[in-house]
Amino acid sequence: MQRFLNNWSATLLAPVVAADGSISIDPDQAAKLVGLGSGDYYLLTLVNTAGTVWEIIKVTAASGGTLTVERNQESSGAQDWPLNTRVSMRYTAGAAEALGQHLAAANPHPQYATPAEAAAAASDAVGAHVAAADPHPNYVTGTELDAATAAVGDVLLTLRNPGSSYALAGSVQLYTAYPQLFDLVGRVGGTPSVDGISWYPSAYGVADVAPTRIASNGVGVWLAGTGTGQAIRSTDAGQTWAAVALGIGFNGVFGFASDGLGVWVAATGNAASLARSTDNGATWSLVTNTLATVAFCIETDKAGVWVTAGFSGKLARSSNNGASFSLVTSGFGATQINGIATDAAGVWVTVGNAGKMARSSNNGTSWALLTSPFGSTNVRAVATDKAGNWVAVGESGKIARSTDNGATWALVSVTNYGYLTSIDTTGSVWVVGAEYGTLIRSTDDGATWTKVTGSFGLNNVEDVAFGEDEWIAIQSTRALRSDATYPYDVSINFKVPDITAPAGSTCYVKAAA
């Protein structure tokens, strides 16, 4: 039986050739492919970056992060696929045909006479009523389906209401009514929103976590770290979280960065080590911290170059995708460096205490101090839209912007929003986190700013970042999310996926065991 999931996707952790019968993906994503018993399967689609080449594969078994697959489904052609190819669950023509087919079964009413038997009975007793043959002996009833192999998430096409264990496709249901189905479906039916206007709180779901830094790989994986060396990880765009071990003890985590292809590096308070992952943050190993002091920030151009910086103005650069780092003269002297950003085309900017700012135009190899408009005010964070516009934020509510790719800077006249902690951008929308639960927002490359309305409490917004289609800002006790907007109350409801049924029938989804 074909099985389905909504919003499921992953990337290949190893290259695949046309003859391979297995693929390797993130174990957390593989674990969601549940119910693969005898005859059960999922259809997945591999597609290149441009969306012009694709292959449909059938998954018949999952073990850890290894999926057993049958290639070239629906005559899509077996292909060679490189590392980090996107694989996702899509609605295919074959799936549509399968949904339109009725399940065959034995005659459920064998006690009823066949037409020949009815004719014989009529000849013996004219006027006696005879039970007619079942007009649909090949169709399975809902009761028989429940008693057979139906599992939560299976689809039923029927002309009747099969009962409370099924939910109508497209209907809105309570989490508490069908928790197993919600675990499979998640929140669907929303309209992606990247404007950062509407925010709502969500719990971390992990005890004793008070994160201070957060980052995304841009395709659904998020990591947040704390001042005591703990980290939490999400593989579903921040909806749920699980603890992960970085191996740095109780030293703080002061920054994360990802190349978007599976490699992460964490800036830490461990003077001996940074932490590095090559499997999208699932497991970590230690890398020598060349700074030999606290690392407060880290960034990558996503093409192999990483830069980390921190206490005493120290700065180090990696050209081998974060595997090792070498010290570089920062120009900051002994002044602490707090934030870093790059346009991924060779230009980098660092910001720090006492208003200092520095710029590199040769991919972090050498640095020169900038004329800073912050005076002696500490600068906390910097970001760029990678199109020439940069914004830096600091204490005392100060914001500065550059429109010439970080070469010159000027303060922006804004209301004093207090201590500004963090900044990120989608490219067109900029969001800044601040003390006392404050978020501010700009849509004109930082020229003007407005406060985001909402009840965010009094805890400082420690960090803010943008992912694939979602914003997440973190406070000590909860996250604030701004993502897809939904036509139902996501705090208590979820939506059963829309499934188009053939004309004359109705589609239901198995919702309870």
Protein backbone atom coordinates (compact mmCIF):
# COMPACT_ATOMS: atom_id res chain seq x y z
CA MET A 1 0.00 0.00 0.00
CA GLN A 2 1.32 3.44 -0.88
CA ARG A 3 1.88 5.74 2.10
CA PHE A 4 1.95 9.51 2.20
CA LEU A 5 3.47 12.38 4.22
CA ASN A 6 3.04 16.11 3.83
CA ASN A 7 5.91 18.60 3.60
CA TRP A 8 8.56 15.85 3.69
CA SER A 9 11.92 16.54 2.11
CA ALA A 10 15.60 15.72 2.61
CA THR A 11 18.93 15.91 0.80
CA LEU A 12 21.31 13.15 -0.27
CA LEU A 13 24.21 12.68 2.14
CA ALA A 14 26.14 10.70 -0.49
CA PRO A 15 26.16 10.60 -4.32
CA VAL A 16 23.94 8.02 -6.07
CA VAL A 17 24.51 6.29 -9.42
CA ALA A 18 21.79 4.87 -11.65
CA ALA A 19 22.43 1.26 -10.56
CA ASP A 20 22.27 1.93 -6.80
CA GLY A 21 19.45 0.31 -4.83
CA SER A 22 19.76 2.54 -1.76
CA ILE A 23 20.20 6.21 -0.87
CA SER A 24 21.53 7.96 2.24
CA ILE A 25 19.65 10.86 3.92
CA ASP A 26 19.33 12.53 7.34
CA PRO A 27 18.31 9.77 9.83
CA ASP A 28 15.71 12.08 11.41
CA GLN A 29 13.94 12.50 8.08
CA ALA A 30 14.23 8.79 7.28
CA ALA A 31 12.60 7.97 10.63
CA LYS A 32 9.42 9.75 9.50
CA LEU A 33 8.87 7.14 6.76
CA VAL A 34 6.92 4.87 9.08
CA GLY A 35 4.75 1.83 8.37
CA LEU A 36 6.95 0.14 5.77
CA GLY A 37 5.66 -3.40 6.17
CA SER A 38 5.32 -6.03 3.48
CA GLY A 39 3.92 -4.41 0.35
CA ASP A 40 4.09 -0.87 1.78
CA TYR A 41 6.06 1.89 0.09
CA TYR A 42 6.54 5.64 -0.39
CA LEU A 43 7.14 7.38 -3.74
CA LEU A 44 9.85 10.05 -3.62
CA THR A 45 11.17 12.38 -6.31
CA LEU A 46 14.82 13.30 -6.87
CA VAL A 47 15.23 16.60 -8.73
CA ASN A 48 18.17 18.76 -9.80
CA THR A 49 18.63 22.37 -8.67
CA ALA A 50 17.09 23.81 -11.83
CA GLY A 51 14.08 21.49 -11.62
CA THR A 52 14.68 20.19 -15.14
CA VAL A 53 15.84 16.64 -14.37
CA TRP A 54 13.99 14.29 -12.03
CA GLU A 55 13.50 10.65 -11.12
CA ILE A 56 10.71 8.96 -9.15
CA ILE A 57 11.86 6.20 -6.77
CA LYS A 58 9.98 3.73 -4.56
CA VAL A 59 11.11 3.41 -0.91
CA THR A 60 10.42 -0.06 0.48
CA ALA A 61 12.50 -0.04 3.67
CA ALA A 62 14.34 2.40 5.96
CA SER A 63 17.18 1.66 8.36
CA GLY A 64 18.81 4.61 10.09
CA GLY A 65 19.51 7.08 7.31
CA THR A 66 19.62 4.41 4.57
CA LEU A 67 16.56 3.94 2.37
CA THR A 68 16.12 0.80 0.23
CA VAL A 69 14.70 1.98 -3.09
CA GLU A 70 13.48 0.76 -6.47
CA ARG A 71 14.62 3.11 -9.23
CA ASN A 72 13.02 4.43 -12.43
CA GLN A 73 9.42 4.50 -11.20
CA GLU A 74 6.71 5.63 -13.64
CA SER A 75 9.31 5.46 -16.47
CA SER A 76 11.12 8.51 -15.05
CA GLY A 77 14.54 7.04 -15.90
CA ALA A 78 17.33 6.07 -13.49
CA GLN A 79 19.86 8.91 -13.11
CA ASP A 80 23.18 9.64 -11.42
CA TRP A 81 22.64 12.15 -8.59
CA PRO A 82 25.27 14.24 -6.74
CA LEU A 83 25.69 14.90 -3.02
CA ASN A 84 23.00 17.22 -1.53
CA THR A 85 20.43 16.54 -4.26
CA ARG A 86 16.95 17.43 -2.96
CA VAL A 87 14.57 14.48 -2.49
CA SER A 88 10.93 15.12 -1.60
CA MET A 89 7.49 13.56 -1.50
CA ARG A 90 5.35 14.75 -4.42
CA TYR A 91 1.96 13.87 -5.82
CA THR A 92 2.66 11.78 -8.95
CA ALA A 93 0.51 10.57 -11.83
CA GLY A 94 0.93 6.99 -10.59
CA ALA A 95 -0.30 7.95 -7.13
CA ALA A 96 -3.34 9.64 -8.63
CA GLU A 97 -4.24 6.52 -10.61
CA ALA A 98 -3.80 4.34 -7.53
CA LEU A 99 -6.14 6.55 -5.49
CA GLY A 100 -8.80 6.11 -8.14
CA GLN A 101 -8.81 2.33 -7.94
CA HIS A 102 -11.20 0.39 -5.70
CA LEU A 103 -9.88 -2.38 -3.45
CA ALA A 104 -10.95 -5.86 -4.52
CA ALA A 105 -12.22 -8.33 -1.92
CA ALA A 106 -14.26 -11.48 -1.60
CA ASN A 107 -18.04 -11.26 -1.73
CA PRO A 108 -18.96 -9.86 1.73
CA HIS A 109 -22.48 -11.33 1.46
CA PRO A 110 -22.07 -15.02 0.48
CA GLN A 111 -25.32 -15.89 2.24
CA TYR A 112 -27.31 -14.06 -0.44
CA ALA A 113 -28.56 -15.95 -3.49
CA THR A 114 -27.03 -15.59 -6.91
CA PRO A 115 -29.38 -14.76 -9.81
CA ALA A 116 -29.54 -18.48 -10.77
CA GLU A 117 -30.38 -19.48 -7.22
CA ALA A 118 -33.02 -16.79 -7.00
CA ALA A 119 -34.64 -18.04 -10.23
CA ALA A 120 -34.74 -21.61 -8.89
CA ALA A 121 -36.33 -20.46 -5.65
CA ALA A 122 -38.94 -18.48 -7.55
CA SER A 123 -40.00 -21.55 -9.53
CA ASP A 124 -40.61 -23.48 -6.29
CA ALA A 125 -42.46 -20.75 -4.40
CA VAL A 126 -43.98 -18.08 -6.54
CA GLY A 127 -44.51 -14.93 -4.52
CA ALA A 128 -41.80 -15.70 -1.97
CA HIS A 129 -39.22 -12.95 -1.54
CA VAL A 130 -35.61 -13.84 -2.33
CA ALA A 131 -32.54 -11.97 -1.10
CA ALA A 132 -30.81 -10.36 -4.05
CA ALA A 133 -27.12 -10.85 -4.80
CA ASP A 134 -24.67 -8.21 -3.57
CA PRO A 135 -24.56 -5.70 -6.46
CA HIS A 136 -20.93 -4.77 -5.59
CA PRO A 137 -19.18 -7.99 -4.48
CA ASN A 138 -15.75 -6.67 -5.44
CA TYR A 139 -15.77 -3.57 -3.17
CA VAL A 140 -14.41 -3.60 0.38
CA THR A 141 -16.57 -2.01 3.07
CA GLY A 142 -15.11 0.46 5.58
CA THR A 143 -15.48 -2.08 8.40
CA GLU A 144 -13.54 -4.71 6.46
CA LEU A 145 -10.82 -2.19 5.63
CA ASP A 146 -10.45 -1.24 9.30
CA ALA A 147 -10.13 -4.86 10.24
CA ALA A 148 -7.48 -5.49 7.60
CA THR A 149 -4.25 -3.48 7.23
CA ALA A 150 -5.43 0.14 7.32
CA ALA A 151 -3.13 2.37 9.36
CA VAL A 152 -3.27 6.00 10.39
CA GLY A 153 -2.57 8.08 7.30
CA ASP A 154 -4.04 5.63 4.78
CA VAL A 155 -6.53 7.02 2.26
CA LEU A 156 -10.04 5.64 1.65
CA LEU A 157 -12.30 6.46 -1.30
CA THR A 158 -15.92 5.77 -0.49
CA LEU A 159 -19.52 6.85 -1.15
CA ARG A 160 -20.43 6.77 2.52
CA ASN A 161 -19.16 8.06 5.87
CA PRO A 162 -16.79 5.37 7.23
CA GLY A 163 -17.06 6.54 10.84
CA SER A 164 -15.16 8.51 13.46
CA SER A 165 -11.86 6.70 12.90
CA TYR A 166 -11.62 8.51 9.56
CA ALA A 167 -11.38 12.26 8.90
CA LEU A 168 -12.65 13.94 5.76
CA ALA A 169 -9.82 15.08 3.48
CA GLY A 170 -9.44 18.86 3.69
CA SER A 171 -11.25 19.13 7.04
CA VAL A 172 -9.89 20.96 10.10
CA GLN A 173 -9.55 18.82 13.23
CA LEU A 174 -8.40 19.18 16.83
CA TYR A 175 -4.86 18.03 17.70
CA THR A 176 -6.31 16.21 20.70
CA ALA A 177 -8.87 14.32 18.59
CA TYR A 178 -6.35 12.70 16.23
CA PRO A 179 -2.82 13.06 17.67
CA GLN A 180 -1.36 10.23 15.55
CA LEU A 181 -2.55 11.79 12.30
CA PHE A 182 -1.27 15.21 13.38
CA ASP A 183 2.17 13.71 14.06
CA LEU A 184 2.23 12.58 10.41
CA VAL A 185 0.69 15.68 8.86
CA GLY A 186 1.94 18.65 10.89
CA ARG A 187 0.63 22.08 9.97
CA VAL A 188 -0.50 22.23 6.32
CA GLY A 189 -2.72 24.49 4.28
CA GLY A 190 -0.88 27.69 5.05
CA THR A 191 0.33 30.50 2.83
CA PRO A 192 4.11 31.07 3.13
CA SER A 193 4.88 34.44 4.70
CA VAL A 194 8.33 36.03 4.73
CA ASP A 195 7.21 39.54 5.71
CA GLY A 196 7.83 39.19 9.45
CA ILE A 197 4.62 41.01 10.34
CA SER A 198 2.71 38.39 12.34
CA TRP A 199 4.50 36.45 15.08
CA TYR A 200 3.33 33.87 17.60
CA PRO A 201 5.07 32.12 20.53
CA SER A 202 5.98 28.43 20.51
CA ALA A 203 7.57 26.25 23.20
CA TYR A 204 10.96 24.62 22.71
CA GLY A 205 9.69 21.33 24.14
CA VAL A 206 13.07 20.64 25.75
CA ALA A 207 13.54 21.15 29.49
CA ASP A 208 15.98 23.68 30.97
CA VAL A 209 16.87 25.36 27.68
CA ALA A 210 17.43 29.10 27.44
CA PRO A 211 19.01 29.64 24.01
CA THR A 212 20.95 32.76 23.15
CA ARG A 213 21.88 32.09 19.49
CA ILE A 214 20.01 30.51 16.58
CA ALA A 215 20.66 29.76 12.88
CA SER A 216 19.12 27.89 9.94
CA ASN A 217 20.60 26.00 7.01
CA GLY A 218 17.89 27.52 4.81
CA VAL A 219 16.12 24.23 4.08
CA GLY A 220 14.32 23.34 7.31
CA VAL A 221 17.10 22.49 9.79
CA TRP A 222 17.61 24.88 12.73
CA LEU A 223 20.06 24.88 15.65
CA ALA A 224 19.90 26.95 18.83
CA GLY A 225 22.57 27.13 21.52
CA THR A 226 22.78 28.26 25.13
CA GLY A 227 25.30 29.88 27.42
CA THR A 228 25.90 26.54 29.16
CA GLY A 229 26.93 24.50 26.13
CA GLN A 230 23.55 22.92 25.42
CA ALA A 231 22.05 22.86 21.94
CA ILE A 232 18.66 22.00 20.48
CA ARG A 233 17.95 21.00 16.89
CA SER A 234 14.89 21.04 14.64
CA THR A 235 14.46 19.27 11.29
CA ASP A 236 10.92 20.57 10.64
CA ALA A 237 11.52 24.31 10.31
CA GLY A 238 11.46 24.91 14.05
CA GLN A 239 8.12 23.28 14.87
CA THR A 240 9.66 20.63 17.17
CA TRP A 241 13.08 20.42 18.85
CA ALA A 242 15.39 17.78 20.32
CA ALA A 243 18.57 18.12 22.36
CA VAL A 244 21.93 17.42 20.67
CA ALA A 245 25.39 17.05 22.23
CA LEU A 246 28.16 19.31 20.91
CA GLY A 247 30.89 17.91 23.15
CA ILE A 248 32.06 21.30 24.46
CA GLY A 249 31.04 20.79 28.09
CA PHE A 250 29.44 23.72 29.88
CA ASN A 251 31.08 26.35 27.69
CA GLY A 252 28.61 28.65 25.97
CA VAL A 253 27.46 28.48 22.34
CA PHE A 254 27.69 31.98 20.89
CA GLY A 255 27.02 31.38 17.22
CA PHE A 256 26.15 28.83 14.54
CA ALA A 257 26.61 28.88 10.78
CA SER A 258 25.78 26.37 8.02
CA ASP A 259 26.88 25.99 4.41
CA GLY A 260 23.38 24.73 3.54
CA LEU A 261 24.85 21.43 2.38
CA GLY A 262 25.20 19.60 5.69
CA VAL A 263 28.22 21.24 7.34
CA TRP A 264 27.74 23.34 10.51
CA VAL A 265 30.30 25.00 12.79
CA ALA A 266 29.54 26.37 16.26
CA ALA A 267 31.41 29.31 17.81
CA THR A 268 31.93 28.42 21.47
CA GLY A 269 33.27 29.59 24.78
CA ASN A 270 35.68 26.65 24.78
CA ALA A 271 39.12 28.18 24.34
CA ALA A 272 40.40 24.88 22.98
CA SER A 273 37.70 23.84 20.53
CA LEU A 274 34.99 24.82 18.11
CA ALA A 275 32.33 22.22 17.29
CA ARG A 276 31.73 20.96 13.72
CA SER A 277 29.08 18.71 12.13
CA THR A 278 28.99 17.18 8.64
CA ASP A 279 25.54 15.57 8.94
CA ASN A 280 23.35 18.66 9.32
CA GLY A 281 23.89 19.01 13.05
CA ALA A 282 22.96 15.46 14.12
CA THR A 283 26.44 14.59 15.43
CA TRP A 284 29.46 16.77 16.24
CA SER A 285 33.25 16.59 16.54
CA LEU A 286 35.73 19.11 17.91
CA VAL A 287 37.91 21.42 15.81
CA THR A 288 40.90 23.29 17.24
CA ASN A 289 39.90 26.81 18.25
CA THR A 290 42.83 28.77 16.83
CA LEU A 291 41.54 31.89 18.62
CA ALA A 292 42.45 30.19 21.93
CA THR A 293 39.67 32.26 23.49
CA VAL A 294 35.89 32.71 23.37
CA ALA A 295 34.47 32.74 19.82
CA PHE A 296 31.48 35.09 19.71
CA CYS A 297 30.49 34.79 16.04
CA ILE A 298 30.99 32.69 12.89
CA GLU A 299 29.90 32.86 9.25
CA THR A 300 30.56 31.12 5.92
CA ASP A 301 30.34 32.10 2.27
CA LYS A 302 28.84 28.61 1.66
CA ALA A 303 31.70 27.90 -0.74
CA GLY A 304 34.34 26.62 1.68
CA VAL A 305 35.47 29.81 3.45
CA TRP A 306 34.54 30.36 7.12
CA VAL A 307 35.50 33.19 9.48
CA THR A 308 35.16 33.16 13.27
CA ALA A 309 36.01 35.93 15.71
CA GLY A 310 35.61 36.87 19.35
CA PHE A 311 37.28 38.02 22.54
CA SER A 312 40.42 40.23 22.45
CA GLY A 313 39.84 41.09 18.78
CA LYS A 314 41.00 37.71 17.54
CA LEU A 315 39.87 36.47 14.12
CA ALA A 316 40.51 33.17 12.31
CA ARG A 317 39.76 31.95 8.79
CA SER A 318 39.17 28.52 7.25
CA SER A 319 39.47 27.71 3.55
CA ASN A 320 38.67 23.98 3.90
CA ASN A 321 35.00 24.22 4.88
CA GLY A 322 35.60 24.64 8.60
CA ALA A 323 37.88 21.64 9.12
CA SER A 324 40.73 23.86 10.41
CA PHE A 325 41.34 27.58 11.01
CA SER A 326 44.32 29.96 10.88
CA LEU A 327 44.67 33.31 12.67
CA VAL A 328 44.21 36.49 10.62
CA THR A 329 44.95 40.08 11.72
CA SER A 330 41.55 41.66 12.36
CA GLY A 331 42.49 45.31 12.80
CA PHE A 332 40.52 45.40 16.07
CA GLY A 333 43.55 45.25 18.31
CA ALA A 334 42.33 43.79 21.62
CA THR A 335 38.71 44.97 21.17
CA GLN A 336 36.03 42.26 21.28
CA ILE A 337 34.39 41.28 17.97
CA ASN A 338 30.65 40.53 18.25
CA GLY A 339 29.25 39.96 14.76
CA ILE A 340 30.20 39.06 11.19
CA ALA A 341 28.52 38.81 7.79
CA THR A 342 29.48 38.23 4.13
CA ASP A 343 27.93 38.88 0.73
CA ALA A 344 29.27 35.44 -0.37
CA ALA A 345 31.16 37.21 -3.16
CA GLY A 346 34.36 38.16 -1.32
CA VAL A 347 33.24 41.04 0.93
CA TRP A 348 33.04 40.54 4.73
CA VAL A 349 32.28 42.98 7.57
CA THR A 350 32.94 42.51 11.29
CA VAL A 351 31.56 44.65 14.13
CA GLY A 352 32.44 44.87 17.81
CA ASN A 353 32.79 46.86 21.00
CA ALA A 354 33.73 50.55 21.15
CA GLY A 355 31.98 51.11 17.81
CA LYS A 356 34.65 49.32 15.80
CA MET A 357 33.92 47.95 12.31
CA ALA A 358 36.28 46.31 9.79
CA ARG A 359 35.91 45.15 6.18
CA SER A 360 37.60 42.58 3.94
CA SER A 361 37.28 42.62 0.16
CA ASN A 362 39.44 39.53 -0.46
CA ASN A 363 37.28 36.87 1.18
CA GLY A 364 38.53 37.39 4.71
CA THR A 365 42.26 37.18 4.00
CA SER A 366 43.06 40.76 5.12
CA TRP A 367 41.03 43.42 6.95
CA ALA A 368 40.92 47.20 7.30
CA LEU A 369 39.11 49.29 9.90
CA LEU A 370 36.14 51.33 8.67
CA THR A 371 35.10 54.83 9.64
CA SER A 372 32.35 53.88 12.07
CA PRO A 373 29.31 56.08 12.75
CA PHE A 374 28.70 54.36 16.12
CA GLY A 375 31.24 56.41 18.06
CA SER A 376 32.12 54.48 21.21
CA THR A 377 28.82 52.52 21.28
CA ASN A 378 29.20 48.74 21.15
CA VAL A 379 28.01 47.22 17.86
CA ARG A 380 26.30 43.84 18.31
CA ALA A 381 25.39 42.43 14.87
CA VAL A 382 25.55 42.99 11.11
CA ALA A 383 23.73 41.57 8.06
CA THR A 384 23.62 42.02 4.28
CA ASP A 385 21.11 41.33 1.51
CA LYS A 386 24.06 40.27 -0.71
CA ALA A 387 23.05 42.98 -3.18
CA GLY A 388 25.12 45.87 -1.79
CA ASN A 389 22.98 46.81 1.21
CA TRP A 390 24.23 46.25 4.78
CA VAL A 391 22.78 47.08 8.21
CA ALA A 392 24.54 47.02 11.60
CA VAL A 393 22.87 47.40 15.01
CA GLY A 394 24.16 48.18 18.47
CA GLU A 395 23.47 49.31 21.96
CA SER A 396 21.57 52.53 22.77
CA GLY A 397 19.20 51.77 19.87
CA LYS A 398 21.72 52.75 17.21
CA ILE A 399 21.32 51.48 13.61
CA ALA A 400 23.69 52.20 10.70
CA ARG A 401 23.41 51.24 7.05
CA SER A 402 25.62 51.01 3.98
CA THR A 403 24.44 51.07 0.37
CA ASP A 404 27.88 50.65 -1.24
CA ASN A 405 28.60 47.06 -0.14
CA GLY A 406 29.90 47.98 3.29
CA ALA A 407 32.48 50.58 2.24
CA THR A 408 30.84 53.58 3.96
CA TRP A 409 28.25 53.77 6.72
CA ALA A 410 25.79 56.29 8.16
CA LEU A 411 23.49 56.23 11.18
CA VAL A 412 19.76 55.92 10.58
CA SER A 413 17.40 58.15 12.54
CA VAL A 414 15.14 55.81 14.53
CA THR A 415 13.21 55.77 17.77
CA ASN A 416 15.42 54.49 20.58
CA TYR A 417 14.43 50.84 20.87
CA GLY A 418 17.05 50.21 23.54
CA TYR A 419 19.70 47.50 23.37
CA LEU A 420 19.61 45.93 19.87
CA THR A 421 20.86 42.34 19.93
CA SER A 422 20.59 40.83 16.46
CA ILE A 423 19.57 41.23 12.82
CA ASP A 424 18.81 39.16 9.72
CA THR A 425 17.20 39.71 6.33
CA THR A 426 15.32 37.87 3.60
CA GLY A 427 16.80 40.29 1.06
CA SER A 428 13.75 42.55 1.10
CA VAL A 429 12.62 42.39 4.73
CA TRP A 430 14.95 43.15 7.65
CA VAL A 431 14.15 42.22 11.28
CA VAL A 432 16.04 43.33 14.40
CA GLY A 433 15.73 41.78 17.86
CA ALA A 434 16.00 43.94 20.99
CA GLU A 435 15.63 43.98 24.74
CA TYR A 436 12.27 43.67 26.54
CA GLY A 437 10.64 41.48 23.91
CA THR A 438 11.00 44.02 21.10
CA LEU A 439 11.15 43.30 17.37
CA ILE A 440 11.52 46.03 14.74
CA ARG A 441 11.21 45.71 10.99
CA SER A 442 12.27 47.46 7.76
CA THR A 443 11.25 46.96 4.14
CA ASP A 444 13.41 49.68 2.57
CA ASP A 445 16.92 48.30 3.20
CA GLY A 446 17.08 49.75 6.71
CA ALA A 447 16.22 53.35 5.86
CA THR A 448 13.11 53.37 8.10
CA TRP A 449 11.94 51.06 10.87
CA THR A 450 8.68 50.21 12.63
CA LYS A 451 8.01 48.19 15.76
CA VAL A 452 6.34 44.82 15.25
CA THR A 453 3.09 44.66 17.19
CA GLY A 454 2.48 41.72 19.50
CA SER A 455 2.61 40.54 23.11
CA PHE A 456 6.13 39.15 23.38
CA GLY A 457 6.64 39.58 27.12
CA LEU A 458 9.59 41.35 28.73
CA ASN A 459 12.34 38.80 28.04
CA ASN A 460 14.99 40.08 25.65
CA VAL A 461 14.93 38.83 22.07
CA GLU A 462 18.38 37.24 22.11
CA ASP A 463 18.69 36.43 18.39
CA VAL A 464 16.63 36.43 15.19
CA ALA A 465 17.16 34.53 11.93
CA PHE A 466 15.40 33.70 8.67
CA GLY A 467 15.19 30.16 7.24
CA GLU A 468 13.48 28.84 4.11
CA ASP A 469 10.01 30.38 4.55
CA GLU A 470 10.07 31.19 8.24
CA TRP A 471 11.47 33.64 10.77
CA ILE A 472 12.39 32.51 14.30
CA ALA A 473 13.36 34.83 17.15
CA ILE A 474 14.43 33.35 20.47
CA GLN A 475 13.77 34.38 24.05
CA SER A 476 14.96 32.58 27.17
CA THR A 477 11.68 30.71 27.70
CA ARG A 478 10.22 30.40 24.19
CA ALA A 479 10.66 31.00 20.49
CA LEU A 480 8.73 33.55 18.45
CA ARG A 481 7.79 32.39 14.96
CA SER A 482 6.66 34.20 11.84
CA ASP A 483 5.93 31.77 9.05
CA ALA A 484 2.99 30.56 7.00
CA THR A 485 -0.42 32.04 7.78
CA TYR A 486 -3.30 29.61 8.27
CA PRO A 487 -7.09 29.87 7.94
CA TYR A 488 -7.50 28.04 11.26
CA ASP A 489 -6.24 28.35 14.84
CA VAL A 490 -2.87 26.57 14.81
CA SER A 491 -2.73 26.51 18.62
CA ILE A 492 -5.47 23.83 18.76
CA ASN A 493 -6.21 22.69 15.19
CA PHE A 494 -4.58 21.08 12.19
CA LYS A 495 -5.79 20.42 8.67
CA VAL A 496 -6.20 17.03 7.03
CA PRO A 497 -4.49 17.23 3.60
CA ASP A 498 -6.62 18.07 0.58
CA ILE A 499 -6.88 15.02 -1.67
CA THR A 500 -8.86 15.16 -4.91
CA ALA A 501 -11.25 12.23 -5.21
CA PRO A 502 -12.65 10.86 -8.51
CA ALA A 503 -16.05 12.24 -9.45
CA GLY A 504 -18.85 10.73 -7.41
CA SER A 505 -16.72 9.56 -4.47
CA THR A 506 -15.42 11.11 -1.26
CA CYS A 507 -11.92 10.89 0.18
CA TYR A 508 -11.25 10.12 3.84
CA VAL A 509 -7.96 9.64 5.74
CA LYS A 510 -7.49 7.06 8.49
CA ALA A 511 -7.16 9.26 11.59
CA ALA A 512 -7.26 6.91 14.57
CA ALA A 513 -6.14 3.35 15.21
